[in-house]
Amino acid sequence: MAETNSSLKIQNIVATTSLGKEVPLTKLARTIPNTEYNPEQFPGLVLRIKKPKSAVLVFSSGNLVCTGTKSIAQVKEVIDQVIKILRKISVKVTDKPKITVQNIVASGNINMMLNLNYLSLELENTEYEPEQFPGLVYKLDNPTATFLLFSNGKLVCTGTKNNQQLNESMEQLIKVLKEAEKNR
């Protein structure tokens, strides 16, 4: 089997932070465009940021959940924009918020054809229902990651919290796939 060269591209980062200040969501929704707030259905307000394109859930406690960014730098940029927006409604955030990455979603290609039927039998922690979905779900324990594998070698990885975990999980995956291939 030829050496696999894989490339991963981060598609989405989910990150959380706390501003340490209460946020009046009704006032925010009334004052700022690009917001959605239906407290009967969900306690958070959705604030859409145009650049970098993302959505931030804002809770009255001052907790934020940021989604849609593709790098930590973008997450910081979005949080800074939210802080500027909140100043307009007299919420002054004085502490620099500590950002915690909860999940990274990346897609890529390992440039090899995969026999998903064989892999579903050979590997532990897999789910494969080709009648319902063409991808095989493969869960790694260490580092924690979940892969969606497709027969053409394309993949999606989710569940990692930083680049190191992302790279380690890819290395693990390739090792496991090569091992399975050897046993065939």
N, C-alpha and C. Protein backbone atom coordinates (compact mmCIF):
# COMPACT_ATOMS: atom_id res chain seq x y z
N MET A 1 0.84 -1.19 0.00
CA MET A 1 0.00 0.00 0.00
C MET A 1 0.88 1.25 0.00
N ALA A 2 0.52 2.19 -0.83
CA ALA A 2 1.31 3.42 -0.93
C ALA A 2 1.19 4.25 0.34
N GLU A 3 2.18 5.05 0.59
CA GLU A 3 2.19 5.96 1.75
C GLU A 3 0.99 6.91 1.61
N THR A 4 0.21 7.07 2.69
CA THR A 4 -0.93 7.98 2.60
C THR A 4 -0.49 9.37 3.02
N ASN A 5 -0.89 10.32 2.23
CA ASN A 5 -0.67 11.70 2.67
C ASN A 5 -2.05 12.30 2.87
N SER A 6 -2.29 12.72 4.08
CA SER A 6 -3.63 13.21 4.40
C SER A 6 -3.58 14.72 4.56
N SER A 7 -4.67 15.34 4.21
CA SER A 7 -4.78 16.78 4.43
C SER A 7 -6.09 17.03 5.15
N LEU A 8 -6.02 17.81 6.19
CA LEU A 8 -7.23 18.15 6.95
C LEU A 8 -7.45 19.64 6.88
N LYS A 9 -8.71 20.02 6.76
CA LYS A 9 -9.06 21.43 6.73
C LYS A 9 -10.13 21.64 7.80
N ILE A 10 -9.87 22.57 8.70
CA ILE A 10 -10.85 22.86 9.76
C ILE A 10 -12.05 23.56 9.13
N GLN A 11 -13.23 23.01 9.40
CA GLN A 11 -14.48 23.55 8.85
C GLN A 11 -15.25 24.36 9.88
N ASN A 12 -15.09 24.00 11.17
CA ASN A 12 -15.88 24.64 12.20
C ASN A 12 -15.21 24.43 13.56
N ILE A 13 -15.20 25.49 14.35
CA ILE A 13 -14.74 25.39 15.74
C ILE A 13 -15.89 25.84 16.63
N VAL A 14 -16.20 25.04 17.64
CA VAL A 14 -17.19 25.43 18.64
C VAL A 14 -16.40 25.81 19.89
N ALA A 15 -16.58 27.04 20.35
CA ALA A 15 -15.83 27.52 21.52
C ALA A 15 -16.78 28.23 22.47
N THR A 16 -16.44 28.18 23.77
CA THR A 16 -17.26 28.84 24.77
C THR A 16 -16.42 29.81 25.58
N THR A 17 -17.08 30.79 26.16
CA THR A 17 -16.42 31.72 27.06
C THR A 17 -17.47 32.34 27.97
N SER A 18 -17.00 32.97 29.03
CA SER A 18 -17.91 33.71 29.90
C SER A 18 -17.40 35.15 29.99
N LEU A 19 -18.33 36.09 29.84
CA LEU A 19 -17.96 37.50 29.89
C LEU A 19 -17.92 38.02 31.31
N GLY A 20 -18.45 37.24 32.26
CA GLY A 20 -18.46 37.65 33.65
C GLY A 20 -19.41 38.81 33.92
N LYS A 21 -20.35 39.02 33.01
CA LYS A 21 -21.34 40.10 33.15
C LYS A 21 -22.69 39.59 32.69
N GLU A 22 -23.75 40.03 33.37
CA GLU A 22 -25.11 39.72 32.92
C GLU A 22 -25.38 40.48 31.61
N VAL A 23 -26.15 39.84 30.72
CA VAL A 23 -26.49 40.49 29.45
C VAL A 23 -28.01 40.58 29.33
N PRO A 24 -28.55 41.82 29.16
CA PRO A 24 -30.00 41.95 28.97
C PRO A 24 -30.37 41.55 27.53
N LEU A 25 -30.84 40.32 27.37
CA LEU A 25 -31.06 39.78 26.02
C LEU A 25 -32.18 40.49 25.26
N THR A 26 -33.24 40.86 25.96
CA THR A 26 -34.35 41.54 25.28
C THR A 26 -33.86 42.87 24.71
N LYS A 27 -33.10 43.62 25.50
CA LYS A 27 -32.54 44.90 25.05
C LYS A 27 -31.59 44.67 23.86
N LEU A 28 -30.78 43.62 23.95
CA LEU A 28 -29.85 43.29 22.86
C LEU A 28 -30.62 42.99 21.58
N ALA A 29 -31.68 42.18 21.69
CA ALA A 29 -32.49 41.81 20.53
C ALA A 29 -33.17 43.02 19.91
N ARG A 30 -33.63 43.97 20.76
CA ARG A 30 -34.32 45.16 20.25
C ARG A 30 -33.36 46.13 19.58
N THR A 31 -32.12 46.18 20.07
CA THR A 31 -31.18 47.21 19.64
C THR A 31 -30.33 46.78 18.46
N ILE A 32 -29.96 45.51 18.41
CA ILE A 32 -28.96 45.05 17.44
C ILE A 32 -29.61 44.21 16.34
N PRO A 33 -29.31 44.54 15.07
CA PRO A 33 -29.83 43.69 13.99
C PRO A 33 -29.10 42.33 13.97
N ASN A 34 -29.51 41.44 13.12
CA ASN A 34 -28.90 40.10 12.99
C ASN A 34 -28.99 39.27 14.27
N THR A 35 -30.09 39.45 15.02
CA THR A 35 -30.26 38.63 16.22
C THR A 35 -31.58 37.85 16.11
N GLU A 36 -31.62 36.70 16.78
CA GLU A 36 -32.85 35.93 16.92
C GLU A 36 -33.01 35.61 18.39
N TYR A 37 -34.17 35.93 18.92
CA TYR A 37 -34.39 35.67 20.34
C TYR A 37 -35.85 35.26 20.57
N ASN A 38 -36.06 34.01 20.93
CA ASN A 38 -37.38 33.47 21.28
C ASN A 38 -37.26 32.76 22.62
N PRO A 39 -37.33 33.52 23.73
CA PRO A 39 -37.09 32.93 25.05
C PRO A 39 -38.05 31.79 25.41
N GLU A 40 -39.23 31.74 24.76
CA GLU A 40 -40.17 30.65 25.04
C GLU A 40 -39.60 29.32 24.52
N GLN A 41 -38.84 29.41 23.43
CA GLN A 41 -38.31 28.20 22.81
C GLN A 41 -36.89 27.86 23.28
N PHE A 42 -36.08 28.89 23.50
CA PHE A 42 -34.68 28.67 23.86
C PHE A 42 -34.17 29.87 24.65
N PRO A 43 -33.43 29.63 25.75
CA PRO A 43 -33.03 30.75 26.62
C PRO A 43 -31.93 31.65 26.05
N GLY A 44 -31.28 31.24 24.97
CA GLY A 44 -30.19 32.04 24.42
C GLY A 44 -30.61 32.87 23.23
N LEU A 45 -29.85 33.93 23.00
CA LEU A 45 -30.06 34.78 21.83
C LEU A 45 -29.01 34.42 20.79
N VAL A 46 -29.42 34.32 19.53
CA VAL A 46 -28.48 34.04 18.45
C VAL A 46 -28.06 35.36 17.82
N LEU A 47 -26.76 35.61 17.82
CA LEU A 47 -26.20 36.81 17.22
C LEU A 47 -25.36 36.39 16.03
N ARG A 48 -25.73 36.85 14.85
CA ARG A 48 -24.98 36.48 13.64
C ARG A 48 -23.91 37.53 13.36
N ILE A 49 -22.70 37.05 13.13
CA ILE A 49 -21.57 37.94 12.80
C ILE A 49 -21.24 37.69 11.33
N LYS A 50 -21.11 38.80 10.57
CA LYS A 50 -20.89 38.64 9.12
C LYS A 50 -19.46 38.22 8.79
N LYS A 51 -18.47 38.86 9.48
CA LYS A 51 -17.07 38.60 9.13
C LYS A 51 -16.22 38.49 10.38
N PRO A 52 -15.59 37.36 10.67
CA PRO A 52 -15.73 36.08 9.97
C PRO A 52 -17.12 35.50 10.22
N LYS A 53 -17.71 34.89 9.20
CA LYS A 53 -19.08 34.38 9.26
C LYS A 53 -19.20 33.39 10.41
N SER A 54 -20.07 33.72 11.37
CA SER A 54 -20.25 32.86 12.54
C SER A 54 -21.56 33.21 13.23
N ALA A 55 -21.91 32.35 14.18
CA ALA A 55 -23.08 32.61 15.01
C ALA A 55 -22.65 32.46 16.46
N VAL A 56 -23.16 33.35 17.31
CA VAL A 56 -22.81 33.30 18.73
C VAL A 56 -24.11 33.19 19.51
N LEU A 57 -24.17 32.18 20.37
CA LEU A 57 -25.28 32.09 21.33
C LEU A 57 -24.90 32.94 22.52
N VAL A 58 -25.75 33.87 22.86
CA VAL A 58 -25.50 34.75 24.01
C VAL A 58 -26.56 34.41 25.07
N PHE A 59 -26.10 34.10 26.28
CA PHE A 59 -27.02 33.80 27.37
C PHE A 59 -27.01 34.96 28.36
N SER A 60 -28.11 35.13 29.10
CA SER A 60 -28.23 36.26 30.02
C SER A 60 -27.14 36.23 31.10
N SER A 61 -26.60 35.05 31.38
CA SER A 61 -25.51 34.92 32.37
C SER A 61 -24.20 35.53 31.88
N GLY A 62 -24.14 35.83 30.57
CA GLY A 62 -22.89 36.32 29.99
C GLY A 62 -22.07 35.21 29.36
N ASN A 63 -22.60 33.99 29.38
CA ASN A 63 -21.91 32.89 28.71
C ASN A 63 -22.17 32.97 27.21
N LEU A 64 -21.14 32.66 26.42
CA LEU A 64 -21.23 32.68 24.97
C LEU A 64 -20.81 31.34 24.40
N VAL A 65 -21.47 30.94 23.31
CA VAL A 65 -21.05 29.78 22.53
C VAL A 65 -20.88 30.27 21.10
N CYS A 66 -19.67 30.14 20.59
CA CYS A 66 -19.34 30.64 19.25
C CYS A 66 -19.19 29.46 18.30
N THR A 67 -19.87 29.50 17.16
CA THR A 67 -19.75 28.44 16.15
C THR A 67 -19.53 29.05 14.77
N GLY A 68 -18.94 28.25 13.90
CA GLY A 68 -18.80 28.67 12.51
C GLY A 68 -17.43 29.19 12.13
N THR A 69 -16.57 29.43 13.11
CA THR A 69 -15.23 29.94 12.79
C THR A 69 -14.33 28.79 12.37
N LYS A 70 -13.22 29.13 11.74
CA LYS A 70 -12.30 28.12 11.22
C LYS A 70 -10.91 28.17 11.87
N SER A 71 -10.73 29.09 12.84
CA SER A 71 -9.45 29.18 13.54
C SER A 71 -9.67 29.83 14.91
N ILE A 72 -8.69 29.65 15.80
CA ILE A 72 -8.77 30.27 17.13
C ILE A 72 -8.70 31.79 16.99
N ALA A 73 -7.90 32.26 16.04
CA ALA A 73 -7.80 33.71 15.79
C ALA A 73 -9.17 34.28 15.43
N GLN A 74 -9.92 33.54 14.61
CA GLN A 74 -11.27 33.99 14.24
C GLN A 74 -12.20 33.97 15.45
N VAL A 75 -12.08 32.96 16.30
CA VAL A 75 -12.91 32.91 17.52
C VAL A 75 -12.67 34.17 18.33
N LYS A 76 -11.39 34.53 18.54
CA LYS A 76 -11.04 35.72 19.33
C LYS A 76 -11.62 36.98 18.70
N GLU A 77 -11.52 37.05 17.36
CA GLU A 77 -12.04 38.20 16.61
C GLU A 77 -13.56 38.34 16.83
N VAL A 78 -14.27 37.21 16.77
CA VAL A 78 -15.73 37.21 16.94
C VAL A 78 -16.09 37.64 18.37
N ILE A 79 -15.40 37.10 19.36
CA ILE A 79 -15.69 37.45 20.77
C ILE A 79 -15.44 38.95 20.98
N ASP A 80 -14.35 39.49 20.39
CA ASP A 80 -14.08 40.93 20.49
C ASP A 80 -15.22 41.75 19.87
N GLN A 81 -15.75 41.28 18.73
CA GLN A 81 -16.88 41.98 18.10
C GLN A 81 -18.11 41.96 19.00
N VAL A 82 -18.36 40.80 19.63
CA VAL A 82 -19.52 40.69 20.53
C VAL A 82 -19.36 41.68 21.69
N ILE A 83 -18.16 41.78 22.23
CA ILE A 83 -17.90 42.72 23.33
C ILE A 83 -18.17 44.16 22.89
N LYS A 84 -17.73 44.51 21.67
CA LYS A 84 -17.99 45.86 21.12
C LYS A 84 -19.49 46.10 20.97
N ILE A 85 -20.21 45.08 20.48
CA ILE A 85 -21.67 45.18 20.30
C ILE A 85 -22.35 45.40 21.66
N LEU A 86 -21.89 44.66 22.67
CA LEU A 86 -22.49 44.78 24.01
C LEU A 86 -22.26 46.15 24.63
N ARG A 87 -21.13 46.79 24.27
CA ARG A 87 -20.87 48.15 24.77
C ARG A 87 -21.99 49.10 24.34
N LYS A 88 -22.54 48.86 23.14
CA LYS A 88 -23.61 49.72 22.62
C LYS A 88 -24.85 49.67 23.49
N ILE A 89 -25.03 48.57 24.25
CA ILE A 89 -26.18 48.50 25.16
C ILE A 89 -25.70 48.60 26.62
N SER A 90 -24.56 49.25 26.81
CA SER A 90 -24.01 49.55 28.14
C SER A 90 -23.60 48.34 28.96
N VAL A 91 -23.22 47.24 28.30
CA VAL A 91 -22.63 46.11 29.03
C VAL A 91 -21.13 46.22 28.80
N LYS A 92 -20.41 46.59 29.87
CA LYS A 92 -18.97 46.80 29.73
C LYS A 92 -18.22 45.59 30.27
N VAL A 93 -17.56 44.90 29.35
CA VAL A 93 -16.77 43.72 29.73
C VAL A 93 -15.35 44.19 30.00
N THR A 94 -14.89 43.99 31.23
CA THR A 94 -13.57 44.50 31.61
C THR A 94 -12.51 43.40 31.56
N ASP A 95 -12.88 42.18 31.93
CA ASP A 95 -11.89 41.08 31.92
C ASP A 95 -11.77 40.51 30.52
N LYS A 96 -10.55 40.07 30.19
CA LYS A 96 -10.36 39.40 28.90
C LYS A 96 -10.94 37.98 29.03
N PRO A 97 -11.95 37.66 28.22
CA PRO A 97 -12.59 36.36 28.36
C PRO A 97 -11.65 35.19 28.01
N LYS A 98 -11.73 34.13 28.81
CA LYS A 98 -10.93 32.93 28.56
C LYS A 98 -11.75 32.03 27.63
N ILE A 99 -11.18 31.72 26.48
CA ILE A 99 -11.89 30.95 25.46
C ILE A 99 -11.55 29.47 25.61
N THR A 100 -12.57 28.62 25.60
CA THR A 100 -12.37 27.17 25.67
C THR A 100 -12.93 26.53 24.41
N VAL A 101 -12.08 25.82 23.67
CA VAL A 101 -12.55 25.11 22.48
C VAL A 101 -13.24 23.83 22.95
N GLN A 102 -14.47 23.63 22.49
CA GLN A 102 -15.25 22.44 22.87
C GLN A 102 -15.17 21.36 21.80
N ASN A 103 -15.03 21.78 20.54
CA ASN A 103 -15.05 20.81 19.45
C ASN A 103 -14.48 21.44 18.18
N ILE A 104 -13.72 20.61 17.46
CA ILE A 104 -13.23 21.03 16.14
C ILE A 104 -13.78 20.03 15.12
N VAL A 105 -14.35 20.55 14.04
CA VAL A 105 -14.79 19.70 12.94
C VAL A 105 -13.87 19.97 11.77
N ALA A 106 -13.26 18.90 11.26
CA ALA A 106 -12.35 19.04 10.12
C ALA A 106 -12.73 18.02 9.06
N SER A 107 -12.44 18.35 7.82
CA SER A 107 -12.67 17.39 6.74
C SER A 107 -11.36 17.19 6.01
N GLY A 108 -11.27 16.08 5.34
CA GLY A 108 -10.02 15.81 4.63
C GLY A 108 -10.14 14.60 3.74
N ASN A 109 -8.97 14.14 3.32
CA ASN A 109 -8.90 13.02 2.39
C ASN A 109 -7.62 12.25 2.71
N ILE A 110 -7.72 10.94 2.84
CA ILE A 110 -6.51 10.16 3.08
C ILE A 110 -5.99 9.53 1.79
N ASN A 111 -6.61 9.91 0.69
CA ASN A 111 -6.13 9.50 -0.64
C ASN A 111 -5.92 7.99 -0.77
N MET A 112 -6.88 7.23 -0.28
CA MET A 112 -6.87 5.79 -0.51
C MET A 112 -8.32 5.32 -0.50
N MET A 113 -8.61 4.30 -1.31
CA MET A 113 -9.96 3.74 -1.32
C MET A 113 -10.13 2.89 -0.07
N LEU A 114 -11.31 2.95 0.54
CA LEU A 114 -11.56 2.19 1.76
C LEU A 114 -12.70 1.19 1.53
N ASN A 115 -12.48 -0.04 1.98
CA ASN A 115 -13.53 -1.04 1.95
C ASN A 115 -14.27 -0.95 3.29
N LEU A 116 -15.38 -0.22 3.30
CA LEU A 116 -16.07 0.07 4.55
C LEU A 116 -16.69 -1.18 5.16
N ASN A 117 -17.17 -2.11 4.32
CA ASN A 117 -17.71 -3.37 4.85
C ASN A 117 -16.64 -4.11 5.64
N TYR A 118 -15.45 -4.20 5.05
CA TYR A 118 -14.34 -4.90 5.70
C TYR A 118 -13.95 -4.17 7.00
N LEU A 119 -13.83 -2.87 6.92
CA LEU A 119 -13.42 -2.09 8.10
C LEU A 119 -14.44 -2.20 9.24
N SER A 120 -15.72 -2.25 8.89
CA SER A 120 -16.75 -2.34 9.93
C SER A 120 -16.64 -3.66 10.69
N LEU A 121 -16.15 -4.70 10.04
CA LEU A 121 -15.95 -6.00 10.69
C LEU A 121 -14.61 -6.05 11.42
N GLU A 122 -13.61 -5.43 10.85
CA GLU A 122 -12.24 -5.52 11.34
C GLU A 122 -11.97 -4.61 12.55
N LEU A 123 -12.57 -3.42 12.55
CA LEU A 123 -12.29 -2.43 13.59
C LEU A 123 -13.35 -2.45 14.68
N GLU A 124 -12.91 -2.13 15.91
CA GLU A 124 -13.87 -1.96 17.00
C GLU A 124 -14.40 -0.53 16.96
N ASN A 125 -15.49 -0.29 17.66
CA ASN A 125 -16.09 1.05 17.78
C ASN A 125 -16.48 1.65 16.43
N THR A 126 -17.12 0.83 15.59
CA THR A 126 -17.61 1.35 14.31
C THR A 126 -19.12 1.20 14.22
N GLU A 127 -19.73 2.04 13.41
CA GLU A 127 -21.14 1.91 13.05
C GLU A 127 -21.20 2.07 11.54
N TYR A 128 -21.87 1.13 10.88
CA TYR A 128 -21.96 1.22 9.43
C TYR A 128 -23.29 0.65 8.99
N GLU A 129 -24.14 1.50 8.48
CA GLU A 129 -25.45 1.11 7.96
C GLU A 129 -25.57 1.68 6.55
N PRO A 130 -24.97 0.99 5.54
CA PRO A 130 -24.93 1.56 4.19
C PRO A 130 -26.30 1.87 3.58
N GLU A 131 -27.36 1.17 4.06
CA GLU A 131 -28.71 1.45 3.53
C GLU A 131 -29.18 2.83 3.99
N GLN A 132 -28.66 3.27 5.15
CA GLN A 132 -29.12 4.55 5.69
C GLN A 132 -28.17 5.70 5.40
N PHE A 133 -26.87 5.40 5.37
CA PHE A 133 -25.86 6.45 5.19
C PHE A 133 -24.59 5.83 4.62
N PRO A 134 -23.98 6.46 3.63
CA PRO A 134 -22.83 5.84 2.94
C PRO A 134 -21.50 5.88 3.71
N GLY A 135 -21.49 6.51 4.88
CA GLY A 135 -20.23 6.62 5.63
C GLY A 135 -20.17 5.67 6.81
N LEU A 136 -18.94 5.31 7.18
CA LEU A 136 -18.70 4.50 8.36
C LEU A 136 -18.30 5.42 9.50
N VAL A 137 -18.91 5.23 10.67
CA VAL A 137 -18.56 6.01 11.85
C VAL A 137 -17.53 5.21 12.63
N TYR A 138 -16.38 5.83 12.91
CA TYR A 138 -15.31 5.17 13.66
C TYR A 138 -14.92 6.06 14.82
N LYS A 139 -15.00 5.49 16.04
CA LYS A 139 -14.68 6.27 17.24
C LYS A 139 -13.32 5.88 17.79
N LEU A 140 -12.49 6.88 18.03
CA LEU A 140 -11.18 6.69 18.65
C LEU A 140 -11.30 7.07 20.13
N ASP A 141 -10.57 6.36 20.99
CA ASP A 141 -10.60 6.68 22.41
C ASP A 141 -9.51 7.66 22.82
N ASN A 142 -8.31 7.49 22.24
CA ASN A 142 -7.19 8.29 22.71
C ASN A 142 -6.33 8.77 21.54
N PRO A 143 -6.38 10.02 21.14
CA PRO A 143 -7.26 11.07 21.67
C PRO A 143 -8.71 10.81 21.25
N THR A 144 -9.64 11.38 21.99
CA THR A 144 -11.06 11.22 21.68
C THR A 144 -11.37 11.92 20.36
N ALA A 145 -11.88 11.15 19.41
CA ALA A 145 -12.27 11.70 18.12
C ALA A 145 -13.25 10.75 17.46
N THR A 146 -14.12 11.30 16.63
CA THR A 146 -15.03 10.48 15.85
C THR A 146 -14.81 10.81 14.39
N PHE A 147 -14.65 9.75 13.59
CA PHE A 147 -14.44 9.92 12.15
C PHE A 147 -15.64 9.42 11.38
N LEU A 148 -15.96 10.12 10.31
CA LEU A 148 -16.88 9.63 9.30
C LEU A 148 -15.98 9.28 8.13
N LEU A 149 -15.95 8.03 7.75
CA LEU A 149 -15.09 7.59 6.66
C LEU A 149 -15.94 7.21 5.45
N PHE A 150 -15.48 7.61 4.27
CA PHE A 150 -16.18 7.27 3.04
C PHE A 150 -15.28 6.41 2.18
N SER A 151 -15.88 5.60 1.33
CA SER A 151 -15.11 4.63 0.54
C SER A 151 -14.08 5.30 -0.38
N ASN A 152 -14.32 6.54 -0.78
CA ASN A 152 -13.37 7.24 -1.66
C ASN A 152 -12.19 7.85 -0.90
N GLY A 153 -12.13 7.62 0.43
CA GLY A 153 -11.02 8.15 1.23
C GLY A 153 -11.29 9.49 1.87
N LYS A 154 -12.42 10.09 1.51
CA LYS A 154 -12.75 11.38 2.14
C LYS A 154 -13.23 11.09 3.56
N LEU A 155 -13.04 12.08 4.46
CA LEU A 155 -13.42 11.88 5.84
C LEU A 155 -13.79 13.19 6.51
N VAL A 156 -14.50 13.04 7.63
CA VAL A 156 -14.80 14.16 8.52
C VAL A 156 -14.36 13.71 9.91
N CYS A 157 -13.70 14.61 10.64
CA CYS A 157 -13.26 14.30 11.99
C CYS A 157 -13.90 15.31 12.94
N THR A 158 -14.44 14.82 14.04
CA THR A 158 -15.04 15.69 15.04
C THR A 158 -14.67 15.21 16.43
N GLY A 159 -14.74 16.11 17.40
CA GLY A 159 -14.50 15.70 18.78
C GLY A 159 -13.16 16.11 19.36
N THR A 160 -12.25 16.62 18.53
CA THR A 160 -10.97 17.06 19.09
C THR A 160 -11.10 18.51 19.57
N LYS A 161 -10.17 18.93 20.43
CA LYS A 161 -10.26 20.26 21.02
C LYS A 161 -9.08 21.17 20.65
N ASN A 162 -8.07 20.62 19.97
CA ASN A 162 -6.95 21.46 19.52
C ASN A 162 -6.24 20.78 18.35
N ASN A 163 -5.32 21.50 17.71
CA ASN A 163 -4.62 20.97 16.54
C ASN A 163 -3.81 19.73 16.85
N GLN A 164 -3.21 19.70 18.04
CA GLN A 164 -2.40 18.54 18.42
C GLN A 164 -3.27 17.29 18.46
N GLN A 165 -4.43 17.37 19.12
CA GLN A 165 -5.35 16.23 19.18
C GLN A 165 -5.83 15.84 17.79
N LEU A 166 -6.09 16.84 16.97
CA LEU A 166 -6.55 16.60 15.60
C LEU A 166 -5.50 15.82 14.83
N ASN A 167 -4.24 16.28 14.91
CA ASN A 167 -3.15 15.60 14.20
C ASN A 167 -2.89 14.20 14.75
N GLU A 168 -2.93 14.07 16.09
CA GLU A 168 -2.71 12.76 16.71
C GLU A 168 -3.81 11.78 16.30
N SER A 169 -5.05 12.25 16.27
CA SER A 169 -6.15 11.35 15.90
C SER A 169 -6.02 10.91 14.45
N MET A 170 -5.55 11.81 13.58
CA MET A 170 -5.33 11.44 12.18
C MET A 170 -4.23 10.39 12.06
N GLU A 171 -3.13 10.59 12.83
CA GLU A 171 -2.04 9.62 12.82
C GLU A 171 -2.54 8.25 13.28
N GLN A 172 -3.33 8.25 14.37
CA GLN A 172 -3.92 7.01 14.89
C GLN A 172 -4.77 6.33 13.82
N LEU A 173 -5.63 7.12 13.18
CA LEU A 173 -6.53 6.58 12.16
C LEU A 173 -5.73 5.92 11.05
N ILE A 174 -4.71 6.61 10.55
CA ILE A 174 -3.92 6.07 9.44
C ILE A 174 -3.21 4.79 9.86
N LYS A 175 -2.70 4.78 11.09
CA LYS A 175 -2.05 3.59 11.63
C LYS A 175 -3.03 2.41 11.65
N VAL A 176 -4.23 2.65 12.16
CA VAL A 176 -5.27 1.63 12.26
C VAL A 176 -5.67 1.13 10.86
N LEU A 177 -5.82 2.06 9.92
CA LEU A 177 -6.22 1.68 8.56
C LEU A 177 -5.13 0.85 7.87
N LYS A 178 -3.87 1.23 8.07
CA LYS A 178 -2.77 0.48 7.47
C LYS A 178 -2.69 -0.93 8.07
N GLU A 179 -2.91 -1.01 9.39
CA GLU A 179 -2.90 -2.29 10.09
C GLU A 179 -4.02 -3.20 9.53
N ALA A 180 -5.21 -2.64 9.39
CA ALA A 180 -6.35 -3.39 8.87
C ALA A 180 -6.07 -3.86 7.45
N GLU A 181 -5.45 -3.00 6.67
CA GLU A 181 -5.11 -3.31 5.27
C GLU A 181 -4.12 -4.47 5.20
N LYS A 182 -3.16 -4.46 6.12
CA LYS A 182 -2.14 -5.53 6.19
C LYS A 182 -2.79 -6.88 6.49
N ASN A 183 -3.81 -6.88 7.34
CA ASN A 183 -4.47 -8.12 7.77
C ASN A 183 -5.41 -8.69 6.71
N ARG A 184 -5.65 -7.94 5.66
CA ARG A 184 -6.62 -8.37 4.65
C ARG A 184 -6.15 -9.56 3.87
